[in-house]
PDB file of N, CA and C in Angstrom:
ATOM      1  N   MET A   1      37.258 -11.434 -35.074  1.00  0.00           N
ATOM      2  CA  MET A   1      35.227 -10.731 -34.854  1.00  0.00           C
ATOM      3  C   MET A   1      34.595  -9.521 -35.383  1.00  0.00           C
ATOM      4  N   ARG A   2      35.584  -8.810 -35.163  1.00  0.00           N
ATOM      5  CA  ARG A   2      34.649  -7.583 -35.543  1.00  0.00           C
ATOM      6  C   ARG A   2      34.708  -7.131 -37.369  1.00  0.00           C
ATOM      7  N   GLU A   3      35.655  -7.970 -37.813  1.00  0.00           N
ATOM      8  CA  GLU A   3      35.205  -8.167 -39.390  1.00  0.00           C
ATOM      9  C   GLU A   3      34.110  -8.869 -40.069  1.00  0.00           C
ATOM     10  N   VAL A   4      33.877  -9.880 -39.303  1.00  0.00           N
ATOM     11  CA  VAL A   4      32.610 -10.335 -39.630  1.00  0.00           C
ATOM     12  C   VAL A   4      30.862 -10.203 -38.837  1.00  0.00           C
ATOM     13  N   GLY A   5      31.277  -9.316 -38.384  1.00  0.00           N
ATOM     14  CA  GLY A   5      29.900  -8.382 -37.543  1.00  0.00           C
ATOM     15  C   GLY A   5      30.033  -8.920 -36.371  1.00  0.00           C
ATOM     16  N   PHE A   6      30.930  -9.200 -35.942  1.00  0.00           N
ATOM     17  CA  PHE A   6      30.837  -9.710 -34.047  1.00  0.00           C
ATOM     18  C   PHE A   6      31.144  -8.606 -33.009  1.00  0.00           C
ATOM     19  N   ALA A   7      31.567  -7.253 -33.571  1.00  0.00           N
ATOM     20  CA  ALA A   7      32.194  -6.221 -32.844  1.00  0.00           C
ATOM     21  C   ALA A   7      31.711  -6.680 -31.376  1.00  0.00           C
ATOM     22  N   ASP A   8      30.577  -6.682 -30.514  1.00  0.00           N
ATOM     23  CA  ASP A   8      29.526  -6.655 -29.953  1.00  0.00           C
ATOM     24  C   ASP A   8      29.957  -7.985 -28.694  1.00  0.00           C
ATOM     25  N   LEU A   9      30.433  -9.493 -30.018  1.00  0.00           N
ATOM     26  CA  LEU A   9      30.319 -10.022 -29.004  1.00  0.00           C
ATOM     27  C   LEU A   9      32.282 -10.645 -28.858  1.00  0.00           C
ATOM     28  N   ASP A  10      32.977  -9.822 -29.589  1.00  0.00           N
ATOM     29  CA  ASP A  10      34.593  -9.433 -29.765  1.00  0.00           C
ATOM     30  C   ASP A  10      35.035  -8.336 -28.012  1.00  0.00           C
ATOM     31  N   ASP A  11      33.656  -7.649 -28.166  1.00  0.00           N
ATOM     32  CA  ASP A  11      34.755  -6.398 -27.328  1.00  0.00           C
ATOM     33  C   ASP A  11      33.711  -7.230 -25.679  1.00  0.00           C
ATOM     34  N   ARG A  12      32.664  -7.955 -25.658  1.00  0.00           N
ATOM     35  CA  ARG A  12      32.463  -8.653 -24.468  1.00  0.00           C
ATOM     36  C   ARG A  12      33.491  -9.432 -23.906  1.00  0.00           C
ATOM     37  N   LEU A  13      34.362  -9.908 -25.089  1.00  0.00           N
ATOM     38  CA  LEU A  13      34.924 -11.489 -24.322  1.00  0.00           C
ATOM     39  C   LEU A  13      36.160 -10.689 -24.380  1.00  0.00           C
ATOM     40  N   THR A  14      36.662  -9.763 -24.680  1.00  0.00           N
ATOM     41  CA  THR A  14      37.801  -8.773 -24.538  1.00  0.00           C
ATOM     42  C   THR A  14      37.629  -8.178 -23.056  1.00  0.00           C
ATOM     43  N   VAL A  15      36.138  -7.313 -22.996  1.00  0.00           N
ATOM     44  CA  VAL A  15      36.566  -7.298 -21.004  1.00  0.00           C
ATOM     45  C   VAL A  15      36.255  -8.186 -20.486  1.00  0.00           C
ATOM     46  N   ASP A  16      35.976  -9.837 -20.798  1.00  0.00           N
ATOM     47  CA  ASP A  16      35.876 -10.807 -19.764  1.00  0.00           C
ATOM     48  C   ASP A  16      36.891 -11.604 -19.844  1.00  0.00           C
ATOM     49  N   PHE A  17      38.086 -11.271 -20.929  1.00  0.00           N
ATOM     50  CA  PHE A  17      38.805 -12.201 -20.944  1.00  0.00           C
ATOM     51  C   PHE A  17      40.176 -11.853 -19.907  1.00  0.00           C
ATOM     52  N   GLU A  18      40.675 -12.959 -18.625  1.00  0.00           N
ATOM     53  CA  GLU A  18      41.502 -13.059 -17.805  1.00  0.00           C
ATOM     54  C   GLU A  18      42.931 -13.603 -18.312  1.00  0.00           C
ATOM     55  N   ALA A  19      44.087 -12.920 -18.456  1.00  0.00           N
ATOM     56  CA  ALA A  19      44.831 -13.597 -19.210  1.00  0.00           C
ATOM     57  C   ALA A  19      45.625 -14.337 -17.689  1.00  0.00           C
ATOM     58  N   THR A  20      46.066 -14.881 -18.331  1.00  0.00           N
ATOM     59  CA  THR A  20      46.792 -16.109 -16.764  1.00  0.00           C
ATOM     60  C   THR A  20      48.316 -16.179 -17.500  1.00  0.00           C
ATOM     61  N   SER A  21      48.942 -16.413 -16.242  1.00  0.00           N
ATOM     62  CA  SER A  21      50.372 -17.305 -16.730  1.00  0.00           C
ATOM     63  C   SER A  21      50.357 -18.350 -17.471  1.00  0.00           C
ATOM     64  N   ASN A  22      49.509 -19.475 -17.855  1.00  0.00           N
ATOM     65  CA  ASN A  22      49.343 -20.413 -18.402  1.00  0.00           C
ATOM     66  C   ASN A  22      48.230 -19.905 -19.293  1.00  0.00           C
ATOM     67  N   VAL A  23      48.803 -20.046 -20.928  1.00  0.00           N
ATOM     68  CA  VAL A  23      48.525 -19.907 -22.016  1.00  0.00           C
ATOM     69  C   VAL A  23      47.420 -20.470 -22.133  1.00  0.00           C
ATOM     70  N   ARG A  24      47.575 -21.684 -22.138  1.00  0.00           N
ATOM     71  CA  ARG A  24      46.945 -22.996 -22.562  1.00  0.00           C
ATOM     72  C   ARG A  24      45.768 -22.388 -22.135  1.00  0.00           C
ATOM     73  N   ARG A  25      45.485 -22.434 -20.307  1.00  0.00           N
ATOM     74  CA  ARG A  25      43.772 -22.417 -19.788  1.00  0.00           C
ATOM     75  C   ARG A  25      43.080 -20.635 -20.287  1.00  0.00           C
ATOM     76  N   SER A  26      44.294 -19.959 -20.683  1.00  0.00           N
ATOM     77  CA  SER A  26      43.653 -18.772 -21.308  1.00  0.00           C
ATOM     78  C   SER A  26      42.957 -19.024 -22.286  1.00  0.00           C
ATOM     79  N   PHE A  27      43.225 -19.506 -23.054  1.00  0.00           N
ATOM     80  CA  PHE A  27      43.423 -19.666 -24.520  1.00  0.00           C
ATOM     81  C   PHE A  27      41.551 -20.775 -24.440  1.00  0.00           C
ATOM     82  N   VAL A  28      41.856 -21.920 -23.807  1.00  0.00           N
ATOM     83  CA  VAL A  28      40.353 -23.020 -23.244  1.00  0.00           C
ATOM     84  C   VAL A  28      39.221 -21.630 -22.947  1.00  0.00           C
ATOM     85  N   HIS A  29      39.361 -20.876 -21.493  1.00  0.00           N
ATOM     86  CA  HIS A  29      38.515 -20.029 -21.975  1.00  0.00           C
ATOM     87  C   HIS A  29      37.842 -19.262 -22.501  1.00  0.00           C
ATOM     88  N   TYR A  30      38.959 -18.667 -22.939  1.00  0.00           N
ATOM     89  CA  TYR A  30      38.233 -17.924 -24.162  1.00  0.00           C
ATOM     90  C   TYR A  30      37.506 -18.741 -25.740  1.00  0.00           C
ATOM     91  N   LEU A  31      37.825 -19.591 -25.737  1.00  0.00           N
ATOM     92  CA  LEU A  31      37.025 -19.994 -27.128  1.00  0.00           C
ATOM     93  C   LEU A  31      35.567 -20.661 -26.059  1.00  0.00           C
ATOM     94  N   ALA A  32      35.812 -21.000 -24.924  1.00  0.00           N
ATOM     95  CA  ALA A  32      34.562 -22.113 -24.535  1.00  0.00           C
ATOM     96  C   ALA A  32      33.499 -20.365 -24.188  1.00  0.00           C
ATOM     97  N   SER A  33      34.080 -19.540 -24.300  1.00  0.00           N
ATOM     98  CA  SER A  33      33.228 -17.896 -23.739  1.00  0.00           C
ATOM     99  C   SER A  33      33.031 -17.930 -25.514  1.00  0.00           C
ATOM    100  N   LEU A  34      33.544 -17.835 -26.402  1.00  0.00           N
ATOM    101  CA  LEU A  34      33.325 -17.559 -27.694  1.00  0.00           C
ATOM    102  C   LEU A  34      31.981 -18.503 -28.504  1.00  0.00           C
ATOM    103  N   ILE A  35      32.377 -19.462 -27.748  1.00  0.00           N
ATOM    104  CA  ILE A  35      31.106 -20.710 -28.200  1.00  0.00           C
ATOM    105  C   ILE A  35      30.331 -20.021 -27.453  1.00  0.00           C
ATOM    106  N   GLY A  36      30.193 -20.425 -26.241  1.00  0.00           N
ATOM    107  CA  GLY A  36      28.689 -19.329 -25.232  1.00  0.00           C
ATOM    108  C   GLY A  36      28.264 -18.196 -26.602  1.00  0.00           C
ATOM    109  N   GLY A  37      29.107 -17.261 -26.207  1.00  0.00           N
ATOM    110  CA  GLY A  37      28.384 -16.055 -27.981  1.00  0.00           C
ATOM    111  C   GLY A  37      27.788 -16.460 -28.514  1.00  0.00           C
ATOM    112  N   LEU A  38      28.172 -17.655 -29.179  1.00  0.00           N
ATOM    113  CA  LEU A  38      27.699 -17.641 -30.799  1.00  0.00           C
ATOM    114  C   LEU A  38      26.794 -18.285 -31.002  1.00  0.00           C
ATOM    115  N   GLN A  39      26.275 -19.177 -29.760  1.00  0.00           N
ATOM    116  CA  GLN A  39      25.328 -20.010 -29.006  1.00  0.00           C
ATOM    117  C   GLN A  39      24.226 -18.799 -28.681  1.00  0.00           C
ATOM    118  N   GLU A  40      24.357 -17.885 -28.406  1.00  0.00           N
ATOM    119  CA  GLU A  40      23.028 -16.849 -27.799  1.00  0.00           C
ATOM    120  C   GLU A  40      23.081 -16.119 -29.045  1.00  0.00           C
ATOM    121  N   ARG A  41      23.688 -15.967 -29.866  1.00  0.00           N
ATOM    122  CA  ARG A  41      23.173 -15.915 -30.945  1.00  0.00           C
ATOM    123  C   ARG A  41      23.063 -16.123 -32.431  1.00  0.00           C
ATOM    124  N   SER A  42      22.850 -17.670 -31.994  1.00  0.00           N
ATOM    125  CA  SER A  42      22.925 -18.533 -33.637  1.00  0.00           C
ATOM    126  C   SER A  42      21.188 -18.432 -33.487  1.00  0.00           C
ATOM    127  N   HIS A  43      20.547 -18.614 -34.643  1.00  0.00           N
ATOM    128  CA  HIS A  43      19.109 -19.034 -35.082  1.00  0.00           C
ATOM    129  C   HIS A  43      18.551 -20.003 -33.949  1.00  0.00           C
ATOM    130  N   SER A  44      19.511 -21.537 -34.794  1.00  0.00           N
ATOM    131  CA  SER A  44      18.946 -22.377 -33.124  1.00  0.00           C
ATOM    132  C   SER A  44      18.380 -21.888 -31.294  1.00  0.00           C
ATOM    133  N   GLY A  45      19.486 -21.193 -31.067  1.00  0.00           N
ATOM    134  CA  GLY A  45      19.482 -20.104 -30.098  1.00  0.00           C
ATOM    135  C   GLY A  45      17.646 -19.040 -29.787  1.00  0.00           C
ATOM    136  N   TYR A  46      17.534 -18.764 -31.356  1.00  0.00           N
ATOM    137  CA  TYR A  46      16.357 -18.203 -31.197  1.00  0.00           C
ATOM    138  C   TYR A  46      15.177 -18.824 -31.258  1.00  0.00           C
ATOM    139  N   ALA A  47      15.328 -20.392 -32.037  1.00  0.00           N
ATOM    140  CA  ALA A  47      14.563 -21.383 -31.979  1.00  0.00           C
ATOM    141  C   ALA A  47      14.312 -21.850 -31.193  1.00  0.00           C
ATOM    142  N   ARG A  48      14.877 -21.544 -30.249  1.00  0.00           N
ATOM    143  CA  ARG A  48      14.679 -22.312 -28.481  1.00  0.00           C
ATOM    144  C   ARG A  48      13.762 -21.526 -27.833  1.00  0.00           C
ATOM    145  N   ALA A  49      14.561 -20.357 -27.863  1.00  0.00           N
ATOM    146  CA  ALA A  49      13.205 -19.095 -26.712  1.00  0.00           C
ATOM    147  C   ALA A  49      12.149 -18.839 -27.637  1.00  0.00           C
ATOM    148  N   LEU A  50      11.898 -19.088 -29.351  1.00  0.00           N
ATOM    149  CA  LEU A  50      10.283 -19.197 -29.355  1.00  0.00           C
ATOM    150  C   LEU A  50      10.038 -20.005 -29.389  1.00  0.00           C
ATOM    151  N   ALA A  51      10.175 -21.229 -29.248  1.00  0.00           N
ATOM    152  CA  ALA A  51       9.901 -22.643 -28.205  1.00  0.00           C
ATOM    153  C   ALA A  51       8.684 -22.068 -27.271  1.00  0.00           C
ATOM    154  N   THR A  52      10.279 -21.609 -26.271  1.00  0.00           N
ATOM    155  CA  THR A  52       9.768 -21.483 -25.088  1.00  0.00           C
ATOM    156  C   THR A  52       9.038 -20.326 -25.040  1.00  0.00           C
ATOM    157  N   LEU A  53       8.862 -19.538 -25.743  1.00  0.00           N
ATOM    158  CA  LEU A  53       7.643 -18.493 -25.905  1.00  0.00           C
ATOM    159  C   LEU A  53       6.382 -19.354 -26.308  1.00  0.00           C
ATOM    160  N   GLN A  54       5.915 -20.400 -27.044  1.00  0.00           N
ATOM    161  CA  GLN A  54       5.326 -20.716 -27.697  1.00  0.00           C
ATOM    162  C   GLN A  54       4.485 -21.021 -26.605  1.00  0.00           C
ATOM    163  N   ASP A  55       5.109 -22.027 -26.227  1.00  0.00           N
ATOM    164  CA  ASP A  55       4.798 -23.242 -24.774  1.00  0.00           C
ATOM    165  C   ASP A  55       4.295 -22.458 -23.721  1.00  0.00           C
ATOM    166  N   ALA A  56       4.830 -20.996 -23.252  1.00  0.00           N
ATOM    167  CA  ALA A  56       4.325 -20.904 -22.392  1.00  0.00           C
ATOM    168  C   ALA A  56       3.153 -19.660 -22.248  1.00  0.00           C
ATOM    169  N   LEU A  57       3.273 -19.438 -24.038  1.00  0.00           N
ATOM    170  CA  LEU A  57       2.169 -18.551 -24.012  1.00  0.00           C
ATOM    171  C   LEU A  57       0.894 -19.076 -24.906  1.00  0.00           C
ATOM    172  N   GLN A  58       1.218 -20.272 -24.747  1.00  0.00           N
ATOM    173  CA  GLN A  58      -0.125 -21.150 -25.383  1.00  0.00           C
ATOM    174  C   GLN A  58      -1.328 -20.839 -24.884  1.00  0.00           C
ATOM    175  N   VAL A  59      -2.394 -20.336 -25.647  1.00  0.00           N
ATOM    176  CA  VAL A  59      -3.535 -19.997 -24.748  1.00  0.00           C
ATOM    177  C   VAL A  59      -4.913 -20.658 -26.467  1.00  0.00           C
ATOM    178  N   GLU A  60      -5.467 -21.224 -25.911  1.00  0.00           N
ATOM    179  CA  GLU A  60      -6.346 -21.769 -26.475  1.00  0.00           C
ATOM    180  C   GLU A  60      -7.341 -21.163 -27.152  1.00  0.00           C
ATOM    181  N   GLY A  61      -7.465 -21.699 -29.104  1.00  0.00           N
ATOM    182  CA  GLY A  61      -8.290 -20.380 -29.657  1.00  0.00           C
ATOM    183  C   GLY A  61      -7.429 -19.318 -29.991  1.00  0.00           C
ATOM    184  N   SER A  62      -6.535 -19.087 -29.757  1.00  0.00           N
ATOM    185  CA  SER A  62      -5.364 -17.766 -30.338  1.00  0.00           C
ATOM    186  C   SER A  62      -3.977 -18.728 -30.613  1.00  0.00           C
ATOM    187  N   PRO A  63      -3.802 -17.182 -31.505  1.00  0.00           N
ATOM    188  CA  PRO A  63      -2.637 -18.044 -32.525  1.00  0.00           C
ATOM    189  C   PRO A  63      -0.961 -18.279 -31.841  1.00  0.00           C
ATOM    190  N   ARG A  64      -0.323 -19.181 -32.054  1.00  0.00           N
ATOM    191  CA  ARG A  64       0.863 -19.073 -31.638  1.00  0.00           C
ATOM    192  C   ARG A  64       1.639 -18.182 -31.712  1.00  0.00           C
ATOM    193  N   VAL A  65       2.555 -17.908 -31.223  1.00  0.00           N
ATOM    194  CA  VAL A  65       3.882 -16.795 -31.162  1.00  0.00           C
ATOM    195  C   VAL A  65       4.463 -17.449 -32.663  1.00  0.00           C
ATOM    196  N   SER A  66       4.728 -16.441 -33.452  1.00  0.00           N
ATOM    197  CA  SER A  66       4.947 -16.629 -34.804  1.00  0.00           C
ATOM    198  C   SER A  66       6.562 -16.320 -35.075  1.00  0.00           C
ATOM    199  N   GLY A  67       6.972 -15.133 -34.034  1.00  0.00           N
ATOM    200  CA  GLY A  67       8.240 -14.634 -34.212  1.00  0.00           C
ATOM    201  C   GLY A  67       8.713 -13.486 -32.745  1.00  0.00           C
ATOM    202  N   ILE A  68       9.879 -13.254 -32.937  1.00  0.00           N
ATOM    203  CA  ILE A  68       9.943 -12.123 -32.168  1.00  0.00           C
ATOM    204  C   ILE A  68      10.721 -10.983 -32.510  1.00  0.00           C
ATOM    205  N   GLU A  69      10.503 -10.359 -32.700  1.00  0.00           N
ATOM    206  CA  GLU A  69      10.961  -8.412 -32.845  1.00  0.00           C
ATOM    207  C   GLU A  69      11.382  -7.329 -31.740  1.00  0.00           C
ATOM    208  N   VAL A  70      12.223  -6.727 -31.811  1.00  0.00           N
ATOM    209  CA  VAL A  70      12.680  -5.816 -30.725  1.00  0.00           C
ATOM    210  C   VAL A  70      12.337  -4.168 -31.430  1.00  0.00           C
ATOM    211  N   PHE A  71      11.660  -3.389 -30.721  1.00  0.00           N
ATOM    212  CA  PHE A  71      11.572  -2.056 -30.710  1.00  0.00           C
ATOM    213  C   PHE A  71      12.216  -1.384 -30.328  1.00  0.00           C
ATOM    214  N   VAL A  72      13.220  -0.142 -31.098  1.00  0.00           N
ATOM    215  CA  VAL A  72      14.362  -0.026 -30.688  1.00  0.00           C
ATOM    216  C   VAL A  72      14.244   1.230 -30.474  1.00  0.00           C
ATOM    217  N   THR A  73      14.180   2.224 -29.501  1.00  0.00           N
ATOM    218  CA  THR A  73      13.252   3.254 -28.792  1.00  0.00           C
ATOM    219  C   THR A  73      14.453   4.312 -28.792  1.00  0.00           C
ATOM    220  N   GLU A  74      14.632   5.735 -29.083  1.00  0.00           N
ATOM    221  CA  GLU A  74      15.835   6.246 -29.039  1.00  0.00           C
ATOM    222  C   GLU A  74      16.345   6.687 -27.724  1.00  0.00           C
ATOM    223  N   PRO A  75      18.013   7.318 -27.597  1.00  0.00           N
ATOM    224  CA  PRO A  75      18.742   6.697 -29.082  1.00  0.00           C
ATOM    225  C   PRO A  75      19.244   6.217 -29.098  1.00  0.00           C
ATOM    226  N   ASP A  76      18.817   4.784 -29.112  1.00  0.00           N
ATOM    227  CA  ASP A  76      19.290   3.337 -29.082  1.00  0.00           C
ATOM    228  C   ASP A  76      19.051   3.193 -30.889  1.00  0.00           C
ATOM    229  N   SER A  77      17.864   3.577 -30.829  1.00  0.00           N
ATOM    230  CA  SER A  77      17.801   3.455 -32.724  1.00  0.00           C
ATOM    231  C   SER A  77      18.556   3.926 -33.394  1.00  0.00           C
ATOM    232  N   GLN A  78      19.808   5.044 -32.964  1.00  0.00           N
ATOM    233  CA  GLN A  78      20.831   5.899 -33.996  1.00  0.00           C
ATOM    234  C   GLN A  78      21.898   4.663 -34.101  1.00  0.00           C
ATOM    235  N   VAL A  79      22.304   4.367 -33.306  1.00  0.00           N
ATOM    236  CA  VAL A  79      23.075   3.529 -32.501  1.00  0.00           C
ATOM    237  C   VAL A  79      22.877   2.215 -33.646  1.00  0.00           C
ATOM    238  N   PHE A  80      22.074   1.517 -33.206  1.00  0.00           N
ATOM    239  CA  PHE A  80      21.979   0.497 -34.179  1.00  0.00           C
ATOM    240  C   PHE A  80      21.102   0.868 -35.255  1.00  0.00           C
ATOM    241  N   GLY A  81      20.869   2.040 -36.182  1.00  0.00           N
ATOM    242  CA  GLY A  81      20.222   2.039 -37.280  1.00  0.00           C
ATOM    243  C   GLY A  81      19.284   1.659 -37.569  1.00  0.00           C
ATOM    244  N   THR A  82      18.244   1.568 -37.010  1.00  0.00           N
ATOM    245  CA  THR A  82      16.965   0.734 -36.915  1.00  0.00           C
ATOM    246  C   THR A  82      16.246   1.220 -35.772  1.00  0.00           C
ATOM    247  N   THR A  83      14.749   0.973 -35.910  1.00  0.00           N
ATOM    248  CA  THR A  83      13.840   0.899 -34.694  1.00  0.00           C
ATOM    249  C   THR A  83      13.121  -0.471 -34.946  1.00  0.00           C
ATOM    250  N   ARG A  84      13.854  -1.623 -35.442  1.00  0.00           N
ATOM    251  CA  ARG A  84      13.125  -2.413 -35.368  1.00  0.00           C
ATOM    252  C   ARG A  84      14.166  -3.692 -35.406  1.00  0.00           C
ATOM    253  N   LEU A  85      14.168  -4.982 -34.776  1.00  0.00           N
ATOM    254  CA  LEU A  85      15.109  -5.916 -35.169  1.00  0.00           C
ATOM    255  C   LEU A  85      13.876  -7.395 -35.460  1.00  0.00           C
ATOM    256  N   ASP A  86      14.054  -7.830 -35.802  1.00  0.00           N
ATOM    257  CA  ASP A  86      13.269  -8.746 -36.339  1.00  0.00           C
ATOM    258  C   ASP A  86      14.361 -10.068 -36.352  1.00  0.00           C
ATOM    259  N   LEU A  87      14.381 -10.631 -35.095  1.00  0.00           N
ATOM    260  CA  LEU A  87      15.254 -11.218 -34.245  1.00  0.00           C
ATOM    261  C   LEU A  87      15.107 -12.906 -34.863  1.00  0.00           C
ATOM    262  N   GLY A  88      14.302 -13.500 -35.719  1.00  0.00           N
ATOM    263  CA  GLY A  88      14.009 -14.542 -37.113  1.00  0.00           C
ATOM    264  C   GLY A  88      14.802 -14.798 -37.719  1.00  0.00           C
ATOM    265  N   THR A  89      15.876 -13.551 -37.937  1.00  0.00           N
ATOM    266  CA  THR A  89      16.663 -13.525 -39.501  1.00  0.00           C
ATOM    267  C   THR A  89      17.968 -13.869 -38.803  1.00  0.00           C
ATOM    268  N   VAL A  90      18.613 -13.860 -37.986  1.00  0.00           N
ATOM    269  CA  VAL A  90      19.280 -14.130 -36.728  1.00  0.00           C
ATOM    270  C   VAL A  90      20.657 -15.360 -38.105  1.00  0.00           C
ATOM    271  N   GLU A  91      21.539 -15.182 -37.984  1.00  0.00           N
ATOM    272  CA  GLU A  91      22.133 -16.102 -39.002  1.00  0.00           C
ATOM    273  C   GLU A  91      21.898 -17.660 -37.904  1.00  0.00           C
ATOM    274  N   ASP A  92      22.390 -18.607 -38.549  1.00  0.00           N
ATOM    275  CA  ASP A  92      22.730 -20.510 -37.887  1.00  0.00           C
ATOM    276  C   ASP A  92      23.892 -20.433 -38.039  1.00  0.00           C
ATOM    277  N   LEU A  93      24.206 -20.283 -36.556  1.00  0.00           N
ATOM    278  CA  LEU A  93      26.359 -20.501 -36.482  1.00  0.00           C
ATOM    279  C   LEU A  93      26.148 -21.758 -36.473  1.00  0.00           C
ATOM    280  N   ALA A  94      25.147 -22.889 -35.929  1.00  0.00           N
ATOM    281  CA  ALA A  94      25.501 -24.193 -35.598  1.00  0.00           C
ATOM    282  C   ALA A  94      26.394 -24.592 -36.358  1.00  0.00           C
ATOM    283  N   PRO A  95      27.242 -24.144 -37.976  1.00  0.00           N
ATOM    284  CA  PRO A  95      28.092 -24.953 -38.194  1.00  0.00           C
ATOM    285  C   PRO A  95      29.328 -24.852 -37.615  1.00  0.00           C
ATOM    286  N   LEU A  96      29.402 -23.265 -37.116  1.00  0.00           N
ATOM    287  CA  LEU A  96      30.978 -22.745 -36.648  1.00  0.00           C
ATOM    288  C   LEU A  96      30.948 -23.608 -35.665  1.00  0.00           C
ATOM    289  N   ILE A  97      29.559 -23.374 -34.639  1.00  0.00           N
ATOM    290  CA  ILE A  97      29.798 -23.789 -33.038  1.00  0.00           C
ATOM    291  C   ILE A  97      30.027 -24.829 -32.948  1.00  0.00           C
ATOM    292  N   ARG A  98      29.718 -25.802 -34.276  1.00  0.00           N
ATOM    293  CA  ARG A  98      30.026 -27.810 -33.894  1.00  0.00           C
ATOM    294  C   ARG A  98      31.874 -27.238 -33.983  1.00  0.00           C
ATOM    295  N   GLU A  99      32.264 -26.899 -35.270  1.00  0.00           N
ATOM    296  CA  GLU A  99      33.598 -26.538 -35.584  1.00  0.00           C
ATOM    297  C   GLU A  99      34.413 -26.431 -34.149  1.00  0.00           C
ATOM    298  N   LEU A 100      34.128 -25.473 -33.504  1.00  0.00           N
ATOM    299  CA  LEU A 100      34.234 -24.898 -32.415  1.00  0.00           C
ATOM    300  C   LEU A 100      33.956 -26.323 -30.869  1.00  0.00           C
ATOM    301  N   ASP A 101      33.270 -26.874 -30.651  1.00  0.00           N
ATOM    302  CA  ASP A 101      33.303 -27.775 -30.047  1.00  0.00           C
ATOM    303  C   ASP A 101      33.986 -28.956 -30.869  1.00  0.00           C
ATOM    304  N   SER A 102      34.081 -29.409 -31.423  1.00  0.00           N
ATOM    305  CA  SER A 102      34.726 -29.959 -32.184  1.00  0.00           C
ATOM    306  C   SER A 102      36.267 -30.111 -31.300  1.00  0.00           C
ATOM    307  N   LEU A 103      36.950 -28.674 -31.508  1.00  0.00           N
ATOM    308  CA  LEU A 103      38.170 -28.738 -30.918  1.00  0.00           C
ATOM    309  C   LEU A 103      38.403 -28.603 -29.951  1.00  0.00           C
ATOM    310  N   MET A 104      37.445 -28.158 -28.619  1.00  0.00           N
ATOM    311  CA  MET A 104      37.569 -28.676 -27.580  1.00  0.00           C
ATOM    312  C   MET A 104      37.378 -30.091 -27.452  1.00  0.00           C
ATOM    313  N   GLU A 105      36.556 -30.696 -28.457  1.00  0.00           N
ATOM    314  CA  GLU A 105      36.509 -31.836 -27.778  1.00  0.00           C
ATOM    315  C   GLU A 105      38.404 -32.778 -28.361  1.00  0.00           C
ATOM    316  N   TYR A 106      38.959 -32.046 -28.818  1.00  0.00           N
ATOM    317  CA  TYR A 106      40.116 -32.910 -29.333  1.00  0.00           C
ATOM    318  C   TYR A 106      41.495 -32.183 -28.495  1.00  0.00           C
ATOM    319  N   LEU A 107      40.867 -31.166 -27.935  1.00  0.00           N
ATOM    320  CA  LEU A 107      42.019 -30.826 -27.408  1.00  0.00           C
ATOM    321  C   LEU A 107      41.618 -31.865 -25.761  1.00  0.00           C
ATOM    322  N   ARG A 108      40.601 -31.370 -25.547  1.00  0.00           N
ATOM    323  CA  ARG A 108      40.515 -32.997 -24.500  1.00  0.00           C
ATOM    324  C   ARG A 108      40.618 -33.921 -24.495  1.00  0.00           C
ATOM    325  N   ASP A 109      40.530 -34.549 -26.141  1.00  0.00           N
ATOM    326  CA  ASP A 109      41.013 -35.870 -25.992  1.00  0.00           C
ATOM    327  C   ASP A 109      42.635 -36.276 -25.767  1.00  0.00           C
ATOM    328  N   LYS A 110      43.091 -34.689 -26.303  1.00  0.00           N
ATOM    329  CA  LYS A 110      45.095 -35.173 -26.390  1.00  0.00           C
ATOM    330  C   LYS A 110      45.530 -34.237 -24.694  1.00  0.00           C
ATOM    331  N   GLY A 111      44.039 -34.369 -23.910  1.00  0.00           N
ATOM    332  CA  GLY A 111      44.905 -34.201 -22.472  1.00  0.00           C
ATOM    333  C   GLY A 111      45.113 -32.551 -22.931  1.00  0.00           C
ATOM    334  N   LEU A 112      45.217 -31.531 -23.367  1.00  0.00           N
ATOM    335  CA  LEU A 112      45.778 -30.008 -23.397  1.00  0.00           C
ATOM    336  C   LEU A 112      44.889 -29.214 -22.787  1.00  0.00           C
ATOM    337  N   MET A 113      43.571 -29.878 -21.785  1.00  0.00           N
ATOM    338  CA  MET A 113      42.771 -28.796 -21.282  1.00  0.00           C
ATOM    339  C   MET A 113      43.364 -29.322 -20.119  1.00  0.00           C
ATOM    340  N   ASN A 114      43.855 -29.747 -19.467  1.00  0.00           N
ATOM    341  CA  ASN A 114      44.239 -29.861 -18.131  1.00  0.00           C
ATOM    342  C   ASN A 114      45.290 -29.461 -17.547  1.00  0.00           C
ATOM    343  N   GLU A 115      46.301 -29.105 -18.210  1.00  0.00           N
ATOM    344  CA  GLU A 115      47.655 -27.884 -17.987  1.00  0.00           C
ATOM    345  C   GLU A 115      47.399 -27.151 -17.721  1.00  0.00           C
TER     346      GLU A 115
END
């Protein structure tokens, strides 16, 4: 995860991970958490958030919200190396998420998630 730019997600999954004596259950829990974390960071998640904002902030005669930007203040800007993040540039992780969902479905179909 760290090698592909998801150090923050890796940190969160590691902190939230609770190993159990049932290795299979631990793996399924980790996989489900990974899918959720990737969904939060995917462009499709951004698109849903933008659509929600556009609907909620729709004012007749005003332009629609066209994007979401986060302005980072000190000292966080030093940590992130920027003062502005354009959330519209996030990567679309949908293909990876679909593959992981397929793996979960396979495990479910084989009855490997219930043990």
